[in-house]
Amino acid sequence: MSLAAVVAVGFTATVTAPLAEAGAHACKVIAKYDRNRDGKLNIFEAKRAGGATFRALNPDGDFTLEHDEVRGRIGPKTFDRYNRIKGRGLDRVEWIRLVRARFYAANPDGDRTIECDELRTRAGHRLLAVIWH
């Protein structure tokens, strides 16, 4: 097995492990952040969850998330795409922009709410990766 293959397999394992773990908590995330108790997450509730996750992932309290703080939740390409000022890390606004994009990607029926079954899809797991902690 080549070194590139070993690195690729290792990277895939680190990315999918938190996503699989988050999938088990799909309905718990909704229950935790569902302010209006309708059993769904709307965009405002998802942003609130994303903000809480941002704070939880930032142990050094420097107002930015460096790549090592989000490893396993988002890949390097996504990090670079949302990191507007390179070399600084993702700030809260950039993180919430990512949450918003993943929210709408995880909402295939277009009803502007995320139900538990939508969080169990691939796009839903990607949303969970940025709102679950």
Protein backbone atom coordinates (compact mmCIF):
# COMPACT_ATOMS: atom_id res chain seq x y z
CA MET A 1 0.00 0.00 0.00
CA SER A 2 1.43 3.37 -0.94
CA LEU A 3 1.96 6.17 1.53
CA ALA A 4 -0.73 8.27 -0.19
CA ALA A 5 -3.25 5.44 0.22
CA VAL A 6 -2.39 5.04 3.91
CA VAL A 7 -2.79 8.80 4.47
CA ALA A 8 -6.09 8.84 2.55
CA VAL A 9 -7.47 5.94 4.57
CA GLY A 10 -6.37 7.59 7.83
CA PHE A 11 -7.95 10.91 6.83
CA THR A 12 -11.22 9.22 5.86
CA ALA A 13 -11.35 7.45 9.21
CA THR A 14 -10.85 10.69 11.14
CA VAL A 15 -13.55 12.48 9.16
CA THR A 16 -16.20 9.75 9.30
CA ALA A 17 -15.83 8.78 12.97
CA PRO A 18 -17.28 12.03 14.42
CA LEU A 19 -19.96 12.06 11.71
CA ALA A 20 -21.08 8.54 12.56
CA GLU A 21 -21.09 9.42 16.25
CA ALA A 22 -23.09 12.58 15.53
CA GLY A 23 -25.67 10.57 13.56
CA ALA A 24 -26.55 8.69 16.72
CA HIS A 25 -27.41 12.04 18.33
CA ALA A 26 -29.60 13.43 15.52
CA CYS A 27 -32.84 13.63 17.46
CA LYS A 28 -31.05 14.79 20.62
CA VAL A 29 -29.64 17.78 18.75
CA ILE A 30 -33.13 18.74 17.64
CA ALA A 31 -34.51 18.35 21.17
CA LYS A 32 -31.69 20.43 22.62
CA TYR A 33 -32.01 23.41 20.25
CA ASP A 34 -35.69 23.30 19.26
CA ARG A 35 -36.81 26.55 20.92
CA ASN A 36 -40.41 26.47 19.66
CA ARG A 37 -40.81 22.73 20.42
CA ASP A 38 -42.17 21.79 17.00
CA GLY A 39 -39.83 18.79 16.70
CA LYS A 40 -37.78 20.43 13.91
CA LEU A 41 -34.83 22.77 13.56
CA ASN A 42 -35.32 26.00 11.67
CA ILE A 43 -32.40 28.08 10.41
CA PHE A 44 -32.32 30.26 13.53
CA GLU A 45 -32.15 27.23 15.81
CA ALA A 46 -29.43 25.68 13.64
CA LYS A 47 -27.40 28.89 13.80
CA ARG A 48 -27.80 28.91 17.57
CA ALA A 49 -26.53 25.31 17.71
CA GLY A 50 -23.66 26.24 15.39
CA GLY A 51 -22.69 29.13 17.66
CA ALA A 52 -22.64 26.84 20.68
CA THR A 53 -20.52 24.35 18.77
CA PHE A 54 -18.15 27.14 17.72
CA ARG A 55 -17.62 28.07 21.38
CA ALA A 56 -17.18 24.42 22.40
CA LEU A 57 -14.59 23.75 19.69
CA ASN A 58 -12.54 26.83 20.57
CA PRO A 59 -10.77 25.89 23.81
CA ASP A 60 -8.13 28.60 23.47
CA GLY A 61 -10.86 31.29 23.23
CA ASP A 62 -9.11 33.20 20.45
CA PHE A 63 -12.33 33.86 18.47
CA THR A 64 -11.20 31.69 15.55
CA LEU A 65 -11.19 27.99 14.83
CA GLU A 66 -7.93 26.67 13.48
CA HIS A 67 -7.89 23.62 11.26
CA ASP A 68 -6.78 21.29 14.05
CA GLU A 69 -9.79 22.38 16.15
CA VAL A 70 -12.26 21.32 13.43
CA ARG A 71 -10.43 18.23 12.17
CA GLY A 72 -12.89 15.41 11.67
CA ARG A 73 -15.80 17.81 11.24
CA ILE A 74 -14.86 19.61 8.04
CA GLY A 75 -12.22 18.83 5.47
CA PRO A 76 -9.33 21.08 4.42
CA LYS A 77 -11.06 22.17 1.20
CA THR A 78 -14.18 23.27 3.10
CA PHE A 79 -12.01 25.02 5.68
CA ASP A 80 -10.21 26.94 2.93
CA ARG A 81 -13.45 27.78 1.10
CA TYR A 82 -15.04 29.40 4.18
CA ASN A 83 -11.84 30.91 5.59
CA ARG A 84 -11.95 34.36 3.98
CA ILE A 85 -8.78 35.73 5.58
CA LYS A 86 -6.21 33.01 5.04
CA GLY A 87 -3.89 32.13 7.89
CA ARG A 88 -6.25 33.40 10.57
CA GLY A 89 -8.75 30.56 10.98
CA LEU A 90 -12.54 30.52 10.78
CA ASP A 91 -14.26 33.24 12.76
CA ARG A 92 -17.80 32.93 14.08
CA VAL A 93 -19.36 34.63 11.02
CA GLU A 94 -17.57 32.24 8.65
CA TRP A 95 -18.59 29.25 10.79
CA ILE A 96 -22.25 30.33 10.79
CA ARG A 97 -22.06 30.82 7.00
CA LEU A 98 -20.97 27.17 6.79
CA VAL A 99 -23.82 26.11 9.11
CA ARG A 100 -26.30 27.95 6.90
CA ALA A 101 -25.00 26.31 3.71
CA ARG A 102 -25.13 22.86 5.25
CA PHE A 103 -28.61 23.51 6.67
CA TYR A 104 -30.05 24.22 3.23
CA ALA A 105 -28.15 21.30 1.68
CA ALA A 106 -29.69 18.97 4.30
CA ASN A 107 -33.22 20.21 3.54
CA PRO A 108 -34.15 18.49 0.27
CA ASP A 109 -37.90 19.03 0.68
CA GLY A 110 -37.35 22.79 0.91
CA ASP A 111 -39.65 23.31 3.89
CA ARG A 112 -36.97 25.34 5.70
CA THR A 113 -36.90 22.96 8.65
CA ILE A 114 -34.74 19.96 9.46
CA GLU A 115 -36.45 16.88 10.85
CA CYS A 116 -34.73 13.97 12.54
CA ASP A 117 -34.87 11.78 9.40
CA GLU A 118 -33.15 14.50 7.36
CA LEU A 119 -30.27 14.50 9.84
CA ARG A 120 -29.74 10.80 9.14
CA THR A 121 -28.80 11.47 5.50
CA ARG A 122 -25.29 12.19 4.26
CA ALA A 123 -26.08 15.92 4.02
CA GLY A 124 -27.65 15.73 7.47
CA HIS A 125 -24.49 14.22 8.91
CA ARG A 126 -22.52 17.05 7.35
CA LEU A 127 -24.84 19.52 9.09
CA LEU A 128 -24.50 17.63 12.37
CA ALA A 129 -20.73 17.91 12.09
CA VAL A 130 -20.99 21.69 12.47
CA ILE A 131 -23.86 21.95 15.00
CA TRP A 132 -23.26 19.00 17.33
CA HIS A 133 -20.81 18.99 20.22
